[in-house]
């Protein structure tokens, strides 16, 4: 497989000064590369050990839904405020550049006991930590975290108590 680095653009000072935003959307413009990535991620032991996948709004949905389809695993979503109907489980979290909130439908959580968290990027760990706390507060097991990109210099892997697999690191 070609190096994924070739398909990930970096935008300096986006969305605010001092941030180097890694844009994974270039991968989607290369169907062969995207397919190879999804096949690789779908074979992860983290995916195999989980009953279901939980993907994080919004780019995590792209990768999570493709992995879900390939691995024949159900997927639920963690969404930003105001995007999900029904009874919700919600939690606030912080990022390098903002604060936000994630919601999961309580009914969807009831169906499965163990989850693989899927997102596009692990930076500060705010979103995956938020989702893991939502799961744990509902007596669910986090089998691990699977991301396309991990920013090693932030060393968030050291602060998360789950197996983490990343396809590319910066």
N, C-alpha and C. Protein backbone atom coordinates (compact mmCIF):
# COMPACT_ATOMS: atom_id res chain seq x y z
N UNK A 1 0.86 -1.19 0.00
CA UNK A 1 0.00 0.00 0.00
C UNK A 1 0.89 1.23 0.00
N UNK A 2 0.54 2.21 -0.82
CA UNK A 2 1.25 3.48 -0.81
C UNK A 2 1.20 4.05 0.60
N UNK A 3 2.16 4.86 0.91
CA UNK A 3 2.18 5.48 2.24
C UNK A 3 0.96 6.38 2.40
N UNK A 4 0.24 6.18 3.49
CA UNK A 4 -0.94 7.01 3.76
C UNK A 4 -0.56 8.48 3.91
N UNK A 5 0.69 8.73 4.29
CA UNK A 5 1.15 10.13 4.45
C UNK A 5 0.87 10.95 3.19
N UNK A 6 0.95 10.32 2.04
CA UNK A 6 0.76 11.02 0.77
C UNK A 6 -0.64 11.59 0.62
N UNK A 7 -1.59 11.04 1.36
CA UNK A 7 -2.99 11.42 1.19
C UNK A 7 -3.54 12.23 2.36
N UNK A 8 -2.65 12.59 3.28
CA UNK A 8 -3.07 13.37 4.45
C UNK A 8 -2.41 14.74 4.38
N UNK A 9 -3.24 15.75 4.24
CA UNK A 9 -2.75 17.13 4.18
C UNK A 9 -2.70 17.72 5.58
N UNK A 10 -1.74 18.62 5.78
CA UNK A 10 -1.61 19.33 7.06
C UNK A 10 -1.92 20.80 6.82
N UNK A 11 -2.81 21.34 7.65
CA UNK A 11 -3.18 22.75 7.58
C UNK A 11 -2.71 23.43 8.86
N UNK A 12 -1.72 24.29 8.72
CA UNK A 12 -1.19 25.00 9.89
C UNK A 12 -2.16 26.10 10.32
N UNK A 13 -2.23 26.27 11.65
CA UNK A 13 -3.07 27.30 12.26
C UNK A 13 -4.55 27.13 11.92
N UNK A 14 -5.01 25.89 11.82
CA UNK A 14 -6.43 25.61 11.60
C UNK A 14 -6.87 24.59 12.63
N UNK A 15 -7.98 24.77 13.30
CA UNK A 15 -8.94 25.87 13.21
C UNK A 15 -8.54 27.12 14.01
N UNK A 16 -7.40 27.03 14.71
CA UNK A 16 -6.90 28.24 15.37
C UNK A 16 -5.38 28.19 15.37
N UNK A 17 -4.77 29.33 15.67
CA UNK A 17 -3.32 29.45 15.66
C UNK A 17 -2.66 28.41 16.58
N UNK A 18 -1.60 27.81 16.07
CA UNK A 18 -0.84 26.83 16.85
C UNK A 18 -1.25 25.39 16.60
N UNK A 19 -2.38 25.17 15.93
CA UNK A 19 -2.85 23.82 15.63
C UNK A 19 -2.38 23.43 14.24
N UNK A 20 -1.90 22.19 14.11
CA UNK A 20 -1.58 21.62 12.80
C UNK A 20 -2.63 20.55 12.51
N UNK A 21 -3.63 20.91 11.73
CA UNK A 21 -4.78 20.04 11.46
C UNK A 21 -4.40 19.01 10.40
N UNK A 22 -4.58 17.73 10.73
CA UNK A 22 -4.33 16.64 9.80
C UNK A 22 -5.65 16.26 9.15
N UNK A 23 -5.73 16.44 7.83
CA UNK A 23 -6.95 16.18 7.08
C UNK A 23 -6.85 14.83 6.38
N UNK A 24 -7.63 13.86 6.86
CA UNK A 24 -7.60 12.50 6.32
C UNK A 24 -8.51 12.32 5.10
N UNK A 25 -9.25 13.35 4.72
CA UNK A 25 -10.25 13.19 3.66
C UNK A 25 -9.64 12.90 2.29
N UNK A 26 -8.36 13.18 2.10
CA UNK A 26 -7.69 12.83 0.84
C UNK A 26 -7.69 11.33 0.58
N UNK A 27 -7.73 10.54 1.65
CA UNK A 27 -7.77 9.08 1.51
C UNK A 27 -9.03 8.66 0.76
N UNK A 28 -10.12 9.36 0.99
CA UNK A 28 -11.40 9.01 0.37
C UNK A 28 -11.40 9.26 -1.14
N UNK A 29 -10.48 10.08 -1.60
CA UNK A 29 -10.39 10.39 -3.03
C UNK A 29 -9.59 9.34 -3.80
N UNK A 30 -9.10 8.36 -3.07
CA UNK A 30 -8.32 7.26 -3.65
C UNK A 30 -9.00 5.94 -3.26
N UNK A 31 -9.99 5.48 -4.04
CA UNK A 31 -10.77 4.31 -3.65
C UNK A 31 -9.93 3.06 -3.33
N UNK A 32 -8.88 2.81 -4.07
CA UNK A 32 -8.05 1.63 -3.81
C UNK A 32 -7.35 1.75 -2.46
N UNK A 33 -6.83 2.93 -2.16
CA UNK A 33 -6.15 3.17 -0.89
C UNK A 33 -7.15 3.09 0.27
N UNK A 34 -8.32 3.69 0.07
CA UNK A 34 -9.36 3.65 1.10
C UNK A 34 -9.77 2.21 1.38
N UNK A 35 -9.96 1.43 0.33
CA UNK A 35 -10.35 0.03 0.49
C UNK A 35 -9.28 -0.75 1.25
N UNK A 36 -8.03 -0.58 0.89
CA UNK A 36 -6.93 -1.27 1.58
C UNK A 36 -6.88 -0.89 3.06
N UNK A 37 -7.10 0.39 3.33
CA UNK A 37 -7.10 0.87 4.72
C UNK A 37 -8.24 0.21 5.51
N UNK A 38 -9.43 0.18 4.93
CA UNK A 38 -10.58 -0.41 5.61
C UNK A 38 -10.39 -1.91 5.83
N UNK A 39 -9.83 -2.60 4.84
CA UNK A 39 -9.55 -4.02 5.01
C UNK A 39 -8.57 -4.25 6.16
N UNK A 40 -7.55 -3.42 6.23
CA UNK A 40 -6.56 -3.53 7.31
C UNK A 40 -7.20 -3.25 8.67
N UNK A 41 -7.95 -2.17 8.77
CA UNK A 41 -8.58 -1.80 10.04
C UNK A 41 -9.61 -2.84 10.47
N UNK A 42 -10.33 -3.42 9.52
CA UNK A 42 -11.36 -4.42 9.82
C UNK A 42 -10.78 -5.70 10.40
N UNK A 43 -9.53 -5.97 10.11
CA UNK A 43 -8.87 -7.19 10.60
C UNK A 43 -8.26 -7.00 11.98
N UNK A 44 -8.36 -5.82 12.54
CA UNK A 44 -7.80 -5.54 13.85
C UNK A 44 -8.39 -6.45 14.92
N UNK A 45 -7.56 -6.88 15.84
CA UNK A 45 -8.04 -7.68 16.97
C UNK A 45 -9.04 -6.89 17.82
N UNK A 46 -8.88 -5.58 17.85
CA UNK A 46 -9.82 -4.74 18.59
C UNK A 46 -11.22 -4.90 18.00
N UNK A 47 -11.34 -4.86 16.69
CA UNK A 47 -12.64 -5.04 16.02
C UNK A 47 -13.15 -6.45 16.26
N UNK A 48 -12.29 -7.43 16.11
CA UNK A 48 -12.70 -8.83 16.28
C UNK A 48 -13.21 -9.10 17.69
N UNK A 49 -12.63 -8.46 18.70
CA UNK A 49 -13.00 -8.71 20.10
C UNK A 49 -14.24 -7.94 20.56
N UNK A 50 -14.70 -7.00 19.77
CA UNK A 50 -15.85 -6.18 20.16
C UNK A 50 -17.15 -6.73 19.58
N UNK A 51 -18.23 -6.56 20.33
CA UNK A 51 -19.55 -6.91 19.80
C UNK A 51 -20.02 -5.87 18.79
N UNK A 52 -19.65 -4.60 19.04
CA UNK A 52 -20.13 -3.51 18.19
C UNK A 52 -19.06 -2.43 18.08
N UNK A 53 -19.28 -1.55 17.12
CA UNK A 53 -18.40 -0.41 16.87
C UNK A 53 -19.17 0.85 17.27
N UNK A 54 -18.47 1.78 17.90
CA UNK A 54 -19.05 3.10 18.13
C UNK A 54 -18.14 4.10 17.44
N UNK A 55 -18.72 4.86 16.49
CA UNK A 55 -17.96 5.82 15.69
C UNK A 55 -18.29 7.23 16.14
N UNK A 56 -17.27 8.11 16.02
CA UNK A 56 -17.39 9.47 16.55
C UNK A 56 -17.63 10.47 15.42
N UNK A 57 -18.57 11.37 15.65
CA UNK A 57 -18.96 12.46 14.76
C UNK A 57 -17.75 13.29 14.37
N UNK A 58 -17.51 13.56 13.16
CA UNK A 58 -18.18 13.17 11.94
C UNK A 58 -17.28 12.28 11.07
N UNK A 59 -16.01 12.58 11.01
CA UNK A 59 -15.14 11.77 10.14
C UNK A 59 -15.01 10.34 10.62
N UNK A 60 -15.19 10.10 11.89
CA UNK A 60 -15.18 8.73 12.40
C UNK A 60 -16.28 7.88 11.79
N UNK A 61 -17.41 8.53 11.41
CA UNK A 61 -18.51 7.80 10.78
C UNK A 61 -18.08 7.17 9.47
N UNK A 62 -17.26 7.88 8.71
CA UNK A 62 -16.82 7.39 7.39
C UNK A 62 -16.07 6.07 7.56
N UNK A 63 -15.10 6.09 8.46
CA UNK A 63 -14.27 4.90 8.67
C UNK A 63 -15.03 3.82 9.43
N UNK A 64 -15.78 4.22 10.44
CA UNK A 64 -16.53 3.26 11.23
C UNK A 64 -17.58 2.52 10.43
N UNK A 65 -18.31 3.22 9.56
CA UNK A 65 -19.35 2.54 8.78
C UNK A 65 -18.73 1.56 7.78
N UNK A 66 -17.62 1.93 7.17
CA UNK A 66 -16.95 1.02 6.24
C UNK A 66 -16.39 -0.20 6.97
N UNK A 67 -15.80 0.01 8.14
CA UNK A 67 -15.29 -1.10 8.95
C UNK A 67 -16.45 -1.99 9.40
N UNK A 68 -17.54 -1.38 9.83
CA UNK A 68 -18.72 -2.11 10.27
C UNK A 68 -19.22 -3.04 9.16
N UNK A 69 -19.32 -2.51 7.97
CA UNK A 69 -19.78 -3.30 6.83
C UNK A 69 -18.81 -4.44 6.53
N UNK A 70 -17.52 -4.14 6.47
CA UNK A 70 -16.51 -5.14 6.14
C UNK A 70 -16.41 -6.23 7.22
N UNK A 71 -16.50 -5.83 8.49
CA UNK A 71 -16.33 -6.77 9.60
C UNK A 71 -17.65 -7.42 10.05
N UNK A 72 -18.75 -7.00 9.43
CA UNK A 72 -20.09 -7.49 9.81
C UNK A 72 -20.37 -7.28 11.30
N UNK A 73 -20.06 -6.06 11.74
CA UNK A 73 -20.30 -5.67 13.13
C UNK A 73 -21.31 -4.52 13.14
N UNK A 74 -22.22 -4.50 14.12
CA UNK A 74 -23.14 -3.36 14.23
C UNK A 74 -22.38 -2.09 14.62
N UNK A 75 -22.93 -0.96 14.22
CA UNK A 75 -22.30 0.33 14.55
C UNK A 75 -23.33 1.27 15.16
N UNK A 76 -22.93 1.93 16.23
CA UNK A 76 -23.72 3.03 16.76
C UNK A 76 -22.86 4.29 16.67
N UNK A 77 -23.48 5.43 16.89
CA UNK A 77 -22.76 6.68 16.70
C UNK A 77 -22.75 7.54 17.96
N UNK A 78 -21.66 8.28 18.12
CA UNK A 78 -21.55 9.32 19.15
C UNK A 78 -21.60 10.64 18.38
N UNK A 79 -22.63 11.43 18.65
CA UNK A 79 -22.87 12.64 17.86
C UNK A 79 -22.77 13.90 18.70
N UNK A 80 -22.57 15.00 18.00
CA UNK A 80 -22.53 16.31 18.64
C UNK A 80 -23.95 16.72 19.02
N UNK A 81 -24.10 17.74 19.87
CA UNK A 81 -25.41 18.13 20.40
C UNK A 81 -26.46 18.42 19.33
N UNK A 82 -27.69 18.02 19.64
CA UNK A 82 -28.83 18.33 18.78
C UNK A 82 -28.95 17.47 17.54
N UNK A 83 -28.21 16.38 17.44
CA UNK A 83 -28.21 15.57 16.22
C UNK A 83 -28.91 14.23 16.36
N UNK A 84 -29.23 13.81 17.60
CA UNK A 84 -29.85 12.51 17.81
C UNK A 84 -31.19 12.65 18.52
N UNK A 85 -32.19 11.88 18.09
CA UNK A 85 -33.47 11.86 18.80
C UNK A 85 -33.46 10.82 19.91
N UNK A 86 -34.50 10.85 20.72
CA UNK A 86 -34.68 9.84 21.75
C UNK A 86 -33.94 10.17 23.04
N UNK A 87 -33.98 9.20 23.96
CA UNK A 87 -33.29 9.37 25.24
C UNK A 87 -31.79 9.21 24.99
N UNK A 88 -31.02 10.17 25.51
CA UNK A 88 -29.59 10.20 25.23
C UNK A 88 -28.75 10.09 26.49
N UNK A 89 -27.54 9.57 26.30
CA UNK A 89 -26.50 9.63 27.31
C UNK A 89 -25.51 10.65 26.78
N UNK A 90 -25.19 11.70 27.57
CA UNK A 90 -24.36 12.80 27.08
C UNK A 90 -23.19 13.07 28.02
N UNK A 91 -22.13 13.62 27.43
CA UNK A 91 -20.94 13.97 28.21
C UNK A 91 -20.21 15.10 27.52
N UNK A 92 -19.67 16.03 28.31
CA UNK A 92 -18.84 17.13 27.79
C UNK A 92 -17.40 16.67 27.68
N UNK A 93 -16.64 17.31 26.77
CA UNK A 93 -15.22 17.03 26.64
C UNK A 93 -14.49 18.27 26.13
N UNK A 94 -13.16 18.25 26.28
CA UNK A 94 -12.32 19.37 25.82
C UNK A 94 -11.37 18.90 24.74
N UNK A 95 -11.09 19.80 23.81
CA UNK A 95 -10.11 19.59 22.74
C UNK A 95 -9.00 20.61 22.90
N UNK A 96 -8.03 20.54 22.00
CA UNK A 96 -6.94 21.54 22.00
C UNK A 96 -7.49 22.95 21.82
N UNK A 97 -8.58 23.05 21.07
CA UNK A 97 -9.05 24.36 20.63
C UNK A 97 -10.50 24.66 20.98
N UNK A 98 -11.20 23.77 21.67
CA UNK A 98 -12.60 24.04 21.99
C UNK A 98 -13.12 23.05 23.03
N UNK A 99 -14.36 23.26 23.39
CA UNK A 99 -15.08 22.31 24.23
C UNK A 99 -16.33 21.90 23.47
N UNK A 100 -16.80 20.68 23.72
CA UNK A 100 -17.98 20.19 23.02
C UNK A 100 -18.66 19.13 23.87
N UNK A 101 -19.64 18.49 23.29
CA UNK A 101 -20.44 17.49 23.98
C UNK A 101 -20.74 16.38 22.98
N UNK A 102 -20.78 15.15 23.46
CA UNK A 102 -21.18 14.02 22.62
C UNK A 102 -22.38 13.34 23.23
N UNK A 103 -23.23 12.79 22.36
CA UNK A 103 -24.44 12.09 22.77
C UNK A 103 -24.50 10.73 22.09
N UNK A 104 -25.05 9.76 22.81
CA UNK A 104 -25.29 8.43 22.27
C UNK A 104 -26.72 8.06 22.65
N UNK A 105 -27.43 7.42 21.74
CA UNK A 105 -28.78 6.99 22.06
C UNK A 105 -28.73 5.85 23.08
N UNK A 106 -29.44 6.03 24.17
CA UNK A 106 -29.44 5.05 25.25
C UNK A 106 -29.93 3.69 24.76
N UNK A 107 -30.94 3.69 23.92
CA UNK A 107 -31.50 2.45 23.38
C UNK A 107 -30.46 1.66 22.59
N UNK A 108 -29.64 2.35 21.82
CA UNK A 108 -28.60 1.68 21.02
C UNK A 108 -27.55 1.05 21.92
N UNK A 109 -27.21 1.72 23.01
CA UNK A 109 -26.20 1.20 23.95
C UNK A 109 -26.66 -0.08 24.63
N UNK A 110 -27.94 -0.23 24.82
CA UNK A 110 -28.47 -1.37 25.56
C UNK A 110 -28.25 -2.70 24.84
N UNK A 111 -28.05 -2.66 23.54
CA UNK A 111 -28.00 -3.88 22.74
C UNK A 111 -26.68 -4.66 22.86
N UNK A 112 -25.59 -3.99 23.18
CA UNK A 112 -24.28 -4.63 23.13
C UNK A 112 -23.50 -4.36 24.41
N UNK A 113 -22.56 -5.27 24.71
CA UNK A 113 -21.78 -5.16 25.95
C UNK A 113 -20.37 -4.64 25.74
N UNK A 114 -19.79 -4.90 24.56
CA UNK A 114 -18.39 -4.50 24.34
C UNK A 114 -18.27 -3.75 23.02
N UNK A 115 -17.42 -2.71 23.06
CA UNK A 115 -17.31 -1.80 21.92
C UNK A 115 -15.87 -1.51 21.52
N UNK A 116 -15.69 -1.34 20.22
CA UNK A 116 -14.46 -0.77 19.66
C UNK A 116 -14.80 0.67 19.29
N UNK A 117 -14.00 1.62 19.76
CA UNK A 117 -14.20 3.03 19.42
C UNK A 117 -13.40 3.32 18.15
N UNK A 118 -14.07 3.90 17.14
CA UNK A 118 -13.42 4.22 15.87
C UNK A 118 -13.51 5.71 15.61
N UNK A 119 -12.36 6.30 15.27
CA UNK A 119 -12.33 7.72 14.89
C UNK A 119 -11.24 7.92 13.85
N UNK A 120 -11.21 9.10 13.27
CA UNK A 120 -10.21 9.37 12.25
C UNK A 120 -8.85 9.70 12.84
N UNK A 121 -8.84 10.36 14.02
CA UNK A 121 -7.58 10.88 14.54
C UNK A 121 -7.56 10.89 16.06
N UNK A 122 -6.42 10.54 16.62
CA UNK A 122 -6.21 10.65 18.06
C UNK A 122 -5.20 11.76 18.29
N UNK A 123 -5.67 12.84 18.89
CA UNK A 123 -4.79 13.98 19.19
C UNK A 123 -4.74 14.14 20.71
N UNK A 124 -5.61 14.96 21.26
CA UNK A 124 -5.63 15.17 22.71
C UNK A 124 -6.30 14.01 23.44
N UNK A 125 -7.07 13.21 22.71
CA UNK A 125 -7.80 12.11 23.32
C UNK A 125 -9.13 12.51 23.90
N UNK A 126 -9.53 13.76 23.73
CA UNK A 126 -10.77 14.26 24.32
C UNK A 126 -12.01 13.52 23.86
N UNK A 127 -12.13 13.29 22.56
CA UNK A 127 -13.35 12.65 22.06
C UNK A 127 -13.40 11.17 22.43
N UNK A 128 -12.29 10.45 22.25
CA UNK A 128 -12.31 9.02 22.59
C UNK A 128 -12.47 8.82 24.10
N UNK A 129 -11.89 9.70 24.89
CA UNK A 129 -12.06 9.62 26.34
C UNK A 129 -13.52 9.87 26.72
N UNK A 130 -14.14 10.84 26.07
CA UNK A 130 -15.55 11.14 26.32
C UNK A 130 -16.41 9.92 26.02
N UNK A 131 -16.19 9.30 24.86
CA UNK A 131 -16.97 8.13 24.47
C UNK A 131 -16.72 6.97 25.44
N UNK A 132 -15.47 6.78 25.83
CA UNK A 132 -15.18 5.68 26.76
C UNK A 132 -15.90 5.90 28.10
N UNK A 133 -15.98 7.14 28.55
CA UNK A 133 -16.68 7.44 29.81
C UNK A 133 -18.20 7.21 29.67
N UNK A 134 -18.74 7.55 28.50
CA UNK A 134 -20.16 7.26 28.25
C UNK A 134 -20.40 5.76 28.33
N UNK A 135 -19.54 5.00 27.68
CA UNK A 135 -19.69 3.54 27.69
C UNK A 135 -19.55 2.98 29.11
N UNK A 136 -18.51 3.39 29.79
CA UNK A 136 -18.26 2.87 31.14
C UNK A 136 -19.38 3.24 32.11
N UNK A 137 -19.93 4.44 31.96
CA UNK A 137 -21.02 4.86 32.85
C UNK A 137 -22.29 4.05 32.61
N UNK A 138 -22.31 3.32 31.52
CA UNK A 138 -23.44 2.44 31.21
C UNK A 138 -23.05 0.96 31.31
N UNK A 139 -21.98 0.72 32.06
CA UNK A 139 -21.49 -0.65 32.31
C UNK A 139 -21.16 -1.41 31.04
N UNK A 140 -20.55 -0.72 30.09
CA UNK A 140 -20.11 -1.33 28.83
C UNK A 140 -18.59 -1.40 28.82
N UNK A 141 -18.07 -2.40 28.11
CA UNK A 141 -16.63 -2.60 28.02
C UNK A 141 -16.08 -1.92 26.77
N UNK A 142 -14.97 -1.22 26.95
CA UNK A 142 -14.23 -0.65 25.82
C UNK A 142 -13.12 -1.65 25.49
N UNK A 143 -13.23 -2.30 24.36
CA UNK A 143 -12.24 -3.30 23.94
C UNK A 143 -10.96 -2.61 23.47
N UNK A 144 -11.12 -1.45 22.83
CA UNK A 144 -9.97 -0.70 22.36
C UNK A 144 -10.39 0.44 21.46
N UNK A 145 -9.38 1.16 20.99
CA UNK A 145 -9.59 2.35 20.15
C UNK A 145 -8.82 2.14 18.86
N UNK A 146 -9.49 2.42 17.75
CA UNK A 146 -8.90 2.25 16.43
C UNK A 146 -9.02 3.57 15.67
N UNK A 147 -7.87 4.13 15.26
CA UNK A 147 -7.87 5.41 14.55
C UNK A 147 -7.00 5.31 13.29
N UNK A 148 -7.27 6.20 12.36
CA UNK A 148 -6.44 6.26 11.16
C UNK A 148 -5.11 6.92 11.50
N UNK A 149 -5.16 8.08 12.18
CA UNK A 149 -3.97 8.87 12.48
C UNK A 149 -3.84 9.08 13.98
N UNK A 150 -2.60 8.99 14.46
CA UNK A 150 -2.31 9.33 15.85
C UNK A 150 -1.18 10.35 15.87
N UNK A 151 -1.37 11.42 16.64
CA UNK A 151 -0.35 12.44 16.81
C UNK A 151 0.49 12.07 18.04
N UNK A 152 1.65 11.48 17.80
CA UNK A 152 2.48 10.95 18.88
C UNK A 152 2.99 12.01 19.84
N UNK A 153 3.27 13.21 19.33
CA UNK A 153 3.87 14.22 20.20
C UNK A 153 2.96 14.63 21.35
N UNK A 154 1.66 14.39 21.22
CA UNK A 154 0.72 14.72 22.30
C UNK A 154 0.66 13.62 23.36
N UNK A 155 1.19 12.46 23.06
CA UNK A 155 1.32 11.33 24.00
C UNK A 155 0.02 11.00 24.74
N UNK A 156 -1.10 11.10 24.07
CA UNK A 156 -2.38 10.81 24.72
C UNK A 156 -2.56 9.32 24.96
N UNK A 157 -1.86 8.51 24.20
CA UNK A 157 -1.94 7.07 24.39
C UNK A 157 -1.58 6.70 25.83
N UNK A 158 -0.68 7.48 26.43
CA UNK A 158 -0.25 7.21 27.80
C UNK A 158 -1.36 7.45 28.82
N UNK A 159 -2.37 8.23 28.45
CA UNK A 159 -3.44 8.60 29.38
C UNK A 159 -4.72 7.82 29.17
N UNK A 160 -4.72 6.91 28.21
CA UNK A 160 -5.91 6.10 27.93
C UNK A 160 -5.60 4.66 28.32
N UNK A 161 -6.52 4.03 29.00
CA UNK A 161 -6.28 2.68 29.54
C UNK A 161 -6.82 1.57 28.65
N UNK A 162 -6.72 1.73 27.35
CA UNK A 162 -7.23 0.75 26.42
C UNK A 162 -6.19 0.49 25.34
N UNK A 163 -6.27 -0.66 24.71
CA UNK A 163 -5.41 -0.86 23.54
C UNK A 163 -5.77 0.17 22.47
N UNK A 164 -4.75 0.71 21.83
CA UNK A 164 -4.95 1.70 20.77
C UNK A 164 -4.16 1.26 19.56
N UNK A 165 -4.83 1.23 18.42
CA UNK A 165 -4.17 0.94 17.16
C UNK A 165 -4.37 2.11 16.23
N UNK A 166 -3.28 2.56 15.64
CA UNK A 166 -3.33 3.64 14.66
C UNK A 166 -2.64 3.16 13.39
N UNK A 167 -3.17 3.55 12.25
CA UNK A 167 -2.61 3.12 10.97
C UNK A 167 -1.42 3.97 10.56
N UNK A 168 -1.39 5.20 11.02
CA UNK A 168 -0.28 6.11 10.69
C UNK A 168 -0.06 7.03 11.88
N UNK A 169 1.20 7.38 12.10
CA UNK A 169 1.52 8.29 13.19
C UNK A 169 2.34 9.48 12.67
N UNK A 170 2.15 10.59 13.35
CA UNK A 170 2.91 11.80 13.05
C UNK A 170 3.55 12.27 14.34
